[in-house]
């Protein structure tokens, strides 16, 4: 069994993941045992990830999995890492700036994803924090997205978040809380978009203005 003592930040990262998972659960971003979260350890060659079959509210130091980026499972026990481990590993491999991933099956965003509609960045916050949330289709055999569909999208370094058709959302960040915030913004924006589109239809309107810039400073810079 691998020596986990070489990761001095292990318990801090585990505690951060547990807190983020609990926050996702409390906010209704994830129920049951679906979804997954991971965080890169400071050694850069391994991650902590939620185990398969364990709910966000049940994550503990004892059940979280430690996995090397080459796929070697370093933690002991009978539990297995999330079945989405491969796309997590691949995103850490291709994006050195990504240190955390929060993947949720949040209902509003997944509703848009199931309708095949990309969630519009219609608030100044989504323009500033995300820019665009690409909709990634199902795999060619109609199954859930894998690294084959996800990694090419995130190969573009300006992509911070994405929505998986009929599946859920991905938020990434330099820290777990940064990735967590994106997961929350995605869900919030999907709900706002639904309300907006419902009101537009109710009032016989077909479109509404969208912001071009996320901050007043950026808008001022482009108007000079």
Protein backbone atom coordinates (compact mmCIF):
# COMPACT_ATOMS: atom_id res chain seq x y z
CA UNK A 1 0.00 0.00 0.00
CA UNK A 2 1.29 3.45 -0.89
CA UNK A 3 2.67 5.75 1.79
CA UNK A 4 0.13 8.57 2.07
CA UNK A 5 2.41 10.41 4.49
CA UNK A 6 4.12 11.95 1.49
CA UNK A 7 1.03 14.15 1.10
CA UNK A 8 1.23 16.61 4.03
CA UNK A 9 -1.83 18.47 2.73
CA UNK A 10 -3.96 15.31 2.47
CA UNK A 11 -6.23 15.89 5.47
CA UNK A 12 -6.74 19.57 4.66
CA UNK A 13 -7.74 18.70 1.11
CA UNK A 14 -10.03 15.94 2.33
CA UNK A 15 -11.73 18.31 4.75
CA UNK A 16 -12.18 20.90 1.98
CA UNK A 17 -13.75 18.27 -0.28
CA UNK A 18 -16.07 17.10 2.51
CA UNK A 19 -17.17 20.71 3.12
CA UNK A 20 -17.77 21.31 -0.59
CA UNK A 21 -19.71 18.07 -0.98
CA UNK A 22 -21.89 18.94 2.01
CA UNK A 23 -22.52 22.42 0.62
CA UNK A 24 -23.60 20.91 -2.73
CA UNK A 25 -25.99 18.60 -0.91
CA UNK A 26 -27.41 21.33 1.32
CA UNK A 27 -28.02 23.59 -1.70
CA UNK A 28 -29.78 20.83 -3.62
CA UNK A 29 -27.15 20.64 -6.33
CA UNK A 30 -26.76 16.90 -5.78
CA UNK A 31 -28.87 14.20 -4.14
CA UNK A 32 -28.36 10.43 -3.71
CA UNK A 33 -24.94 9.00 -4.63
CA UNK A 34 -24.50 10.66 -8.03
CA UNK A 35 -22.05 13.34 -9.07
CA UNK A 36 -18.45 13.59 -7.95
CA UNK A 37 -15.79 15.98 -6.70
CA UNK A 38 -12.01 15.86 -6.70
CA UNK A 39 -9.07 18.02 -5.70
CA UNK A 40 -5.43 17.88 -6.72
CA UNK A 41 -2.88 17.34 -3.96
CA UNK A 42 0.09 19.70 -3.70
CA UNK A 43 2.42 16.96 -4.94
CA UNK A 44 0.59 17.45 -8.28
CA UNK A 45 0.70 13.75 -9.17
CA UNK A 46 -2.35 12.58 -7.18
CA UNK A 47 -5.89 13.60 -6.30
CA UNK A 48 -8.56 13.06 -3.66
CA UNK A 49 -11.90 12.01 -5.17
CA UNK A 50 -15.34 10.98 -3.91
CA UNK A 51 -15.88 7.21 -3.92
CA UNK A 52 -18.44 5.52 -6.12
CA UNK A 53 -21.75 4.79 -4.42
CA UNK A 54 -21.26 7.32 -1.60
CA UNK A 55 -23.46 10.40 -1.39
CA UNK A 56 -22.16 13.95 -1.10
CA UNK A 57 -23.50 14.15 2.46
CA UNK A 58 -21.69 10.96 3.47
CA UNK A 59 -18.13 11.84 2.44
CA UNK A 60 -15.59 11.32 5.23
CA UNK A 61 -11.83 11.10 5.58
CA UNK A 62 -12.22 7.33 5.87
CA UNK A 63 -14.06 6.81 2.57
CA UNK A 64 -12.49 9.41 0.27
CA UNK A 65 -10.18 7.89 -2.32
CA UNK A 66 -6.60 8.91 -3.12
CA UNK A 67 -5.60 8.18 -6.70
CA UNK A 68 -2.42 8.87 -8.64
CA UNK A 69 -2.88 10.62 -11.98
CA UNK A 70 -1.64 7.46 -13.68
CA UNK A 71 -4.73 5.70 -12.29
CA UNK A 72 -3.09 3.85 -9.40
CA UNK A 73 -5.40 3.71 -6.36
CA UNK A 74 -3.31 4.75 -3.36
CA UNK A 75 -5.92 4.54 -0.59
CA UNK A 76 -6.86 1.38 1.23
CA UNK A 77 -10.28 -0.19 1.62
CA UNK A 78 -12.93 -1.87 -0.52
CA UNK A 79 -14.49 1.29 -1.97
CA UNK A 80 -13.69 2.37 -5.50
CA UNK A 81 -13.14 5.90 -6.83
CA UNK A 82 -15.93 7.59 -8.75
CA UNK A 83 -16.73 5.97 -12.08
CA UNK A 84 -15.93 9.35 -13.67
CA UNK A 85 -12.33 9.12 -12.44
CA UNK A 86 -10.91 8.96 -15.96
CA UNK A 87 -12.28 12.33 -17.06
CA UNK A 88 -11.10 13.91 -13.80
CA UNK A 89 -7.59 12.52 -14.32
CA UNK A 90 -7.52 13.69 -17.91
CA UNK A 91 -8.62 17.25 -17.08
CA UNK A 92 -5.83 17.50 -14.49
CA UNK A 93 -3.41 16.16 -17.08
CA UNK A 94 -4.26 18.63 -19.84
CA UNK A 95 -4.95 21.69 -17.66
CA UNK A 96 -2.24 22.56 -15.14
CA UNK A 97 -4.41 25.46 -13.92
CA UNK A 98 -7.21 23.12 -12.81
CA UNK A 99 -6.79 21.96 -9.21
CA UNK A 100 -10.39 21.04 -8.41
CA UNK A 101 -13.48 19.67 -10.17
CA UNK A 102 -17.10 19.71 -9.00
CA UNK A 103 -19.49 17.64 -11.10
CA UNK A 104 -23.18 17.78 -10.10
CA UNK A 105 -26.50 16.59 -11.50
CA UNK A 106 -28.17 19.84 -10.47
CA UNK A 107 -31.81 19.87 -11.65
CA UNK A 108 -32.21 23.22 -13.41
CA UNK A 109 -28.98 22.94 -15.36
CA UNK A 110 -29.58 19.28 -16.17
CA UNK A 111 -33.05 20.20 -17.41
CA UNK A 112 -31.47 22.51 -19.99
CA UNK A 113 -28.89 19.84 -20.80
CA UNK A 114 -31.62 17.24 -21.32
CA UNK A 115 -33.41 19.60 -23.70
CA UNK A 116 -30.20 19.98 -25.70
CA UNK A 117 -30.06 23.71 -24.97
CA UNK A 118 -26.84 25.48 -24.00
CA UNK A 119 -27.39 27.61 -20.91
CA UNK A 120 -26.93 31.26 -21.94
CA UNK A 121 -24.58 33.49 -19.98
CA UNK A 122 -27.32 36.07 -19.46
CA UNK A 123 -26.15 37.78 -16.27
CA UNK A 124 -23.14 40.00 -15.75
CA UNK A 125 -21.86 37.47 -13.22
CA UNK A 126 -21.86 34.59 -15.69
CA UNK A 127 -20.14 36.77 -18.30
CA UNK A 128 -17.45 37.70 -15.78
CA UNK A 129 -16.99 34.36 -14.02
CA UNK A 130 -17.64 31.85 -16.80
CA UNK A 131 -17.94 33.46 -20.24
CA UNK A 132 -19.53 30.39 -21.83
CA UNK A 133 -20.85 27.00 -20.72
CA UNK A 134 -20.52 24.65 -23.72
CA UNK A 135 -23.04 21.85 -24.04
CA UNK A 136 -21.18 18.54 -24.47
CA UNK A 137 -23.27 15.84 -26.20
CA UNK A 138 -23.58 12.24 -25.10
CA UNK A 139 -20.94 9.78 -26.27
CA UNK A 140 -21.27 8.36 -29.78
CA UNK A 141 -22.94 5.22 -28.39
CA UNK A 142 -25.51 7.30 -26.48
CA UNK A 143 -23.87 6.77 -23.10
CA UNK A 144 -22.51 9.27 -20.56
CA UNK A 145 -19.72 11.58 -21.56
CA UNK A 146 -16.16 10.38 -21.01
CA UNK A 147 -12.78 12.03 -21.35
CA UNK A 148 -13.15 11.51 -25.12
CA UNK A 149 -15.98 14.06 -25.26
CA UNK A 150 -15.04 16.27 -22.29
CA UNK A 151 -11.30 16.81 -22.61
CA UNK A 152 -11.34 18.37 -26.11
CA UNK A 153 -13.73 21.05 -24.84
CA UNK A 154 -11.59 21.85 -21.81
CA UNK A 155 -8.44 21.85 -23.95
CA UNK A 156 -9.47 25.45 -24.61
CA UNK A 157 -7.93 27.21 -21.62
CA UNK A 158 -10.70 29.83 -21.41
CA UNK A 159 -13.31 27.15 -20.65
CA UNK A 160 -14.00 26.93 -16.91
CA UNK A 161 -17.35 25.15 -16.90
CA UNK A 162 -19.49 22.97 -19.13
CA UNK A 163 -22.87 21.27 -19.22
CA UNK A 164 -23.17 17.58 -20.10
CA UNK A 165 -26.23 16.66 -22.17
CA UNK A 166 -28.70 14.49 -20.19
CA UNK A 167 -26.14 14.28 -17.39
CA UNK A 168 -25.11 17.34 -15.36
CA UNK A 169 -22.53 20.09 -15.00
CA UNK A 170 -18.78 20.52 -14.52
CA UNK A 171 -17.19 23.42 -12.66
CA UNK A 172 -13.41 23.71 -12.41
CA UNK A 173 -11.08 26.00 -10.51
CA UNK A 174 -7.74 26.62 -8.87
CA UNK A 175 -9.39 25.65 -5.57
CA UNK A 176 -12.39 23.59 -4.52
CA UNK A 177 -14.35 26.65 -3.44
CA UNK A 178 -13.72 28.27 -6.85
CA UNK A 179 -15.03 25.16 -8.63
CA UNK A 180 -17.93 25.03 -6.16
CA UNK A 181 -18.90 28.63 -6.91
CA UNK A 182 -19.06 27.83 -10.63
CA UNK A 183 -21.33 24.84 -9.97
CA UNK A 184 -23.63 27.18 -8.05
CA UNK A 185 -23.53 29.91 -10.70
CA UNK A 186 -24.40 27.40 -13.43
CA UNK A 187 -27.47 26.19 -11.55
CA UNK A 188 -28.54 29.73 -10.62
CA UNK A 189 -28.18 30.88 -14.23
CA UNK A 190 -30.21 27.96 -15.54
CA UNK A 191 -33.04 28.84 -13.17
CA UNK A 192 -32.87 32.52 -14.14
CA UNK A 193 -32.86 31.56 -17.83
CA UNK A 194 -35.98 29.45 -17.39
CA UNK A 195 -37.80 32.25 -15.57
CA UNK A 196 -36.69 34.76 -18.21
CA UNK A 197 -37.83 32.57 -21.11
CA UNK A 198 -41.14 31.83 -19.41
CA UNK A 199 -41.80 35.55 -18.86
CA UNK A 200 -40.79 36.41 -22.42
CA UNK A 201 -43.25 33.85 -23.77
CA UNK A 202 -46.00 35.03 -21.42
CA UNK A 203 -45.57 38.63 -22.60
CA UNK A 204 -45.27 37.78 -26.27
CA UNK A 205 -41.61 38.73 -26.52
CA UNK A 206 -39.05 36.72 -28.44
CA UNK A 207 -35.78 38.11 -27.13
CA UNK A 208 -34.19 40.34 -24.50
CA UNK A 209 -30.94 42.25 -24.20
CA UNK A 210 -27.89 40.38 -22.97
CA UNK A 211 -24.83 41.92 -21.29
CA UNK A 212 -21.65 42.17 -23.32
CA UNK A 213 -19.31 42.71 -20.39
CA UNK A 214 -19.10 41.30 -16.90
CA UNK A 215 -17.76 44.32 -15.05
CA UNK A 216 -18.21 48.08 -15.22
CA UNK A 217 -14.46 48.51 -15.69
CA UNK A 218 -14.45 46.21 -18.72
CA UNK A 219 -17.45 47.98 -20.23
CA UNK A 220 -15.81 51.39 -19.71
CA UNK A 221 -12.60 50.18 -21.33
CA UNK A 222 -14.47 49.17 -24.48
CA UNK A 223 -16.44 52.41 -24.76
CA UNK A 224 -13.42 54.73 -24.79
